[in-house]
Structure formats: structure tokens, C-alpha cells
Protein backbone atom coordinates (compact mmCIF):
# COMPACT_ATOMS: atom_id res chain seq x y z
CA UNK A 1 29.22 -4.95 -36.29
CA UNK A 2 31.33 -7.03 -33.86
CA UNK A 3 32.23 -3.70 -32.12
CA UNK A 4 29.04 -2.24 -31.55
CA UNK A 5 28.69 -5.72 -29.50
CA UNK A 6 31.68 -5.07 -28.01
CA UNK A 7 31.00 -1.57 -26.69
CA UNK A 8 27.40 -2.06 -25.69
CA UNK A 9 27.62 -5.46 -24.12
CA UNK A 10 29.49 -3.94 -21.15
CA UNK A 11 27.49 -0.73 -21.00
CA UNK A 12 24.18 -2.81 -20.57
CA UNK A 13 25.65 -4.81 -18.07
CA UNK A 14 26.73 -1.27 -16.36
CA UNK A 15 23.17 -0.27 -16.45
CA UNK A 16 21.40 -3.68 -15.51
CA UNK A 17 23.74 -4.89 -12.41
CA UNK A 18 23.04 -4.07 -9.02
CA UNK A 19 25.87 -6.39 -7.98
CA UNK A 20 27.44 -2.96 -6.70
CA UNK A 21 24.83 -1.93 -4.45
CA UNK A 22 24.92 -2.55 -0.34
CA UNK A 23 23.62 -5.34 0.77
CA UNK A 24 22.97 -4.47 4.16
CA UNK A 25 21.17 -6.47 6.65
CA UNK A 26 20.52 -5.35 10.61
CA UNK A 27 18.44 -6.28 13.17
CA UNK A 28 16.18 -4.79 15.97
CA UNK A 29 17.68 -5.22 19.50
CA UNK A 30 14.98 -3.26 21.33
CA UNK A 31 12.11 -1.10 22.07
CA UNK A 32 11.28 2.89 23.59
CA UNK A 33 8.36 4.04 22.88
CA UNK A 34 7.45 8.08 23.63
CA UNK A 35 4.91 10.81 22.05
CA UNK A 36 5.34 12.33 18.51
CA UNK A 37 2.78 14.81 17.60
CA UNK A 38 2.48 15.31 13.70
CA UNK A 39 1.60 18.61 13.18
CA UNK A 40 4.52 19.72 11.08
CA UNK A 41 6.18 18.53 7.96
CA UNK A 42 7.32 15.25 9.69
CA UNK A 43 6.28 13.46 12.94
CA UNK A 44 8.65 15.29 15.93
CA UNK A 45 9.33 13.64 18.97
CA UNK A 46 7.68 15.57 21.53
CA UNK A 47 7.64 16.25 25.75
CA UNK A 48 4.29 18.20 25.85
CA UNK A 49 1.75 17.01 28.20
CA UNK A 50 -1.35 17.41 25.57
CA UNK A 51 -1.04 16.94 22.12
CA UNK A 52 -4.23 17.07 19.60
CA UNK A 53 -5.84 13.15 18.90
CA UNK A 54 -5.19 13.89 15.12
CA UNK A 55 -2.06 15.06 15.73
CA UNK A 56 -0.85 12.25 17.96
CA UNK A 57 2.00 9.64 17.04
CA UNK A 58 3.90 7.08 18.86
CA UNK A 59 7.76 7.18 18.20
CA UNK A 60 9.28 3.81 18.30
CA UNK A 61 12.72 3.85 19.00
CA UNK A 62 14.39 0.31 17.66
CA UNK A 63 17.99 0.31 18.41
CA UNK A 64 19.15 -1.61 15.18
CA UNK A 65 22.39 -3.19 14.89
CA UNK A 66 24.33 -3.94 11.41
CA UNK A 67 25.06 -7.51 11.48
CA UNK A 68 26.63 -7.09 7.71
CA UNK A 69 27.08 -5.18 4.60
CA UNK A 70 28.52 -5.59 1.46
CA UNK A 71 28.91 -3.84 -2.49
CA UNK A 72 30.08 -0.74 -3.25
CA UNK A 73 27.53 2.10 -3.14
CA UNK A 74 23.75 3.16 -1.34
CA UNK A 75 21.19 2.77 -3.13
CA UNK A 76 17.10 3.49 -2.61
CA UNK A 77 16.40 0.64 -4.34
CA UNK A 78 18.25 -1.79 -2.65
CA UNK A 79 17.13 -0.62 1.15
CA UNK A 80 18.96 -2.38 4.25
CA UNK A 81 16.80 -5.50 5.29
CA UNK A 82 16.06 -6.74 8.82
CA UNK A 83 16.74 -10.36 8.97
CA UNK A 84 14.57 -11.05 11.64
CA UNK A 85 11.64 -8.33 10.72
CA UNK A 86 8.37 -7.79 12.95
CA UNK A 87 5.88 -10.17 12.61
CA UNK A 88 3.07 -8.20 14.83
CA UNK A 89 2.84 -4.89 16.78
CA UNK A 90 0.33 -4.90 19.36
CA UNK A 91 -1.14 -1.23 20.72
CA UNK A 92 -3.51 -0.93 24.23
CA UNK A 93 -4.24 1.84 26.09
CA UNK A 94 -5.40 2.14 29.40
CA UNK A 95 -8.37 3.62 29.50
CA UNK A 96 -11.17 3.18 27.10
CA UNK A 97 -10.69 5.36 23.95
CA UNK A 98 -14.00 5.36 22.08
CA UNK A 99 -17.37 3.20 22.95
CA UNK A 100 -15.56 0.62 20.31
CA UNK A 101 -12.32 0.44 21.75
CA UNK A 102 -12.41 0.19 25.35
CA UNK A 103 -9.60 -0.19 27.80
CA UNK A 104 -7.01 -3.45 27.01
CA UNK A 105 -8.55 -3.64 23.67
CA UNK A 106 -6.28 -3.65 20.43
CA UNK A 107 -6.00 -0.43 18.43
CA UNK A 108 -4.63 -1.45 15.70
CA UNK A 109 -6.75 -0.38 13.54
CA UNK A 110 -6.50 3.57 14.33
CA UNK A 111 -2.84 3.37 13.85
CA UNK A 112 -0.72 3.96 10.63
CA UNK A 113 3.23 3.16 10.50
CA UNK A 114 4.82 6.02 9.11
CA UNK A 115 8.35 5.67 7.36
CA UNK A 116 9.59 9.00 6.33
CA UNK A 117 6.59 9.55 3.40
CA UNK A 118 3.30 10.76 3.78
CA UNK A 119 3.21 8.16 0.50
CA UNK A 120 4.35 5.13 2.48
CA UNK A 121 2.38 4.28 5.38
CA UNK A 122 1.26 1.08 6.38
CA UNK A 123 -1.18 -0.62 8.67
CA UNK A 124 -0.29 -2.25 11.76
CA UNK A 125 -1.27 -5.49 10.27
CA UNK A 126 1.53 -4.95 7.21
CA UNK A 127 4.72 -3.87 9.21
CA UNK A 128 7.24 -2.73 7.35
CA UNK A 129 10.18 -0.13 8.50
CA UNK A 130 12.49 1.85 6.29
CA UNK A 131 14.62 4.77 6.04
CA UNK A 132 14.05 4.37 1.57
CA UNK A 133 12.10 7.47 2.11
CA UNK A 134 14.40 9.71 4.95
CA UNK A 135 15.63 12.53 3.33
CA UNK A 136 18.78 11.38 5.19
CA UNK A 137 18.99 8.32 3.83
CA UNK A 138 22.39 8.31 2.64
CA UNK A 139 23.92 9.22 5.58
CA UNK A 140 21.39 7.10 7.65
CA UNK A 141 19.94 3.94 5.84
CA UNK A 142 18.72 1.69 9.03
CA UNK A 143 15.30 2.94 10.38
CA UNK A 144 16.37 4.16 14.00
CA UNK A 145 12.64 4.62 14.62
CA UNK A 146 9.23 4.46 13.34
CA UNK A 147 6.37 6.31 13.94
CA UNK A 148 2.89 4.81 14.56
CA UNK A 149 -0.07 7.80 13.66
CA UNK A 150 -2.89 8.09 15.10
CA UNK A 151 -5.91 8.36 12.90
CA UNK A 152 -8.90 9.08 15.04
CA UNK A 153 -9.08 10.94 18.27
CA UNK A 154 -10.43 9.76 21.09
CA UNK A 155 -14.43 9.55 22.38
CA UNK A 156 -13.51 11.93 25.56
CA UNK A 157 -10.54 14.46 26.08
CA UNK A 158 -8.47 12.74 28.70
CA UNK A 159 -5.07 10.96 29.85
CA UNK A 160 -4.53 8.00 28.06
CA UNK A 161 -1.27 5.75 28.62
CA UNK A 162 -0.32 3.48 25.53
CA UNK A 163 1.21 -0.22 25.34
CA UNK A 164 2.97 -1.02 22.77
CA UNK A 165 4.77 -5.19 21.98
CA UNK A 166 6.45 -5.61 18.65
CA UNK A 167 6.88 -9.06 17.99
CA UNK A 168 9.72 -10.35 15.78
CA UNK A 169 9.34 -13.16 13.40
CA UNK A 170 11.59 -14.91 15.79
CA UNK A 171 9.50 -14.93 18.43
CA UNK A 172 11.62 -12.30 20.14
CA UNK A 173 8.90 -9.67 21.60
CA UNK A 174 9.52 -6.59 22.87
CA UNK A 175 7.32 -4.34 24.99
CA UNK A 176 7.63 -0.95 26.39
CA UNK A 177 4.42 1.92 27.16
CA UNK A 178 4.56 5.19 27.17
CA UNK A 179 3.73 8.35 30.15
CA UNK A 180 0.51 9.63 30.35
CA UNK A 181 -0.60 11.98 27.49
CA UNK A 182 -3.63 14.08 27.37
CA UNK A 183 -5.22 13.73 24.05
CA UNK A 184 -8.28 15.97 23.32
């Protein structure tokens, strides 16, 4: 009986312990926004001058910097953590998006944060950036970008310029805008 316990305890410890998992911490150090289109398997950055509204996305380049790493191996169950995570995002545009969203009004209800999986999208009032579901997670565990998927087409086919403000927990604010894009 004692031999069984001697063999079982180390095995149980091995499977229940996460001490070997990497503990990676990073910070977002900037923001650059670009247009993306969402007509394929995943959103891709795009330089076209027009995109269907329902397939439009804003690509957020986050410029992460790793602050610390410990542990022995990378695991999707313990993705990297942001030491100064996003508190909120505000998205506006330069024209009336539709009758309900006039120029300059907050468009957050019209976008979802896409984290490399359509099963892992969040509203802009529940922001979380992760590469946990990214196919190249083991090569790139820290999110370098995230996409904001537009979920409603504009009221009229016209050119839009989007403004994005990313507020971090410590009060840091990053602001950028897209170039004009024709949404139809």
C-alpha cells in the first residue's frame, strides 16, 4: 500500500501542478490603427479604398513589450498577462454612420473585439486581448494586434475616417485614426 502512495503522489503532483507553465507579463506601448477586411477565414489588413461595411474591421497594432518570463513551457491555459491592461476603447467616426450614430458619437456598440477566433469575441465594454486562440500561439504568445469587427453596415455608402482611443488601467491613453475608407 505504501509503494502505491509513493508512486501516485508524484504523478498526481505532476498533473495538478502548473509551476512549469510560463508566466509571461507584457505591456502595450502604443497604438497604430489600419483597415482590415473580414471576408475570409480571419480578418486581414487591407489597403483597398473600399470594403463592404459588414466585412470591415479595424486592425489595432498594440506594440507589446515583454517585461518578464518565468517557467519552463508555454501553455494555452496560462496565456501571457498584460500588467497594464486596457480599461476601455472608444471608437468614433467623422460622419454620420447612420441615423442613430451621428458624426463624433461613440460607435462601441457596433464593434466586437476579435481574438483569433470567432468563438472568442468580446464587446468593447469587456476588452481582453489574447493570442490564446491564435494558430501560431506557441511562436507568438503575446498579442501584437487585435481586430475590431464592424457588425453593422453604415446607413449610406460613403467615405469614413475612424478614430480609436485606447485607455489603459493606469490612465495611459493611445489615440490614432484610420485613413479614409469607403464603406458600402
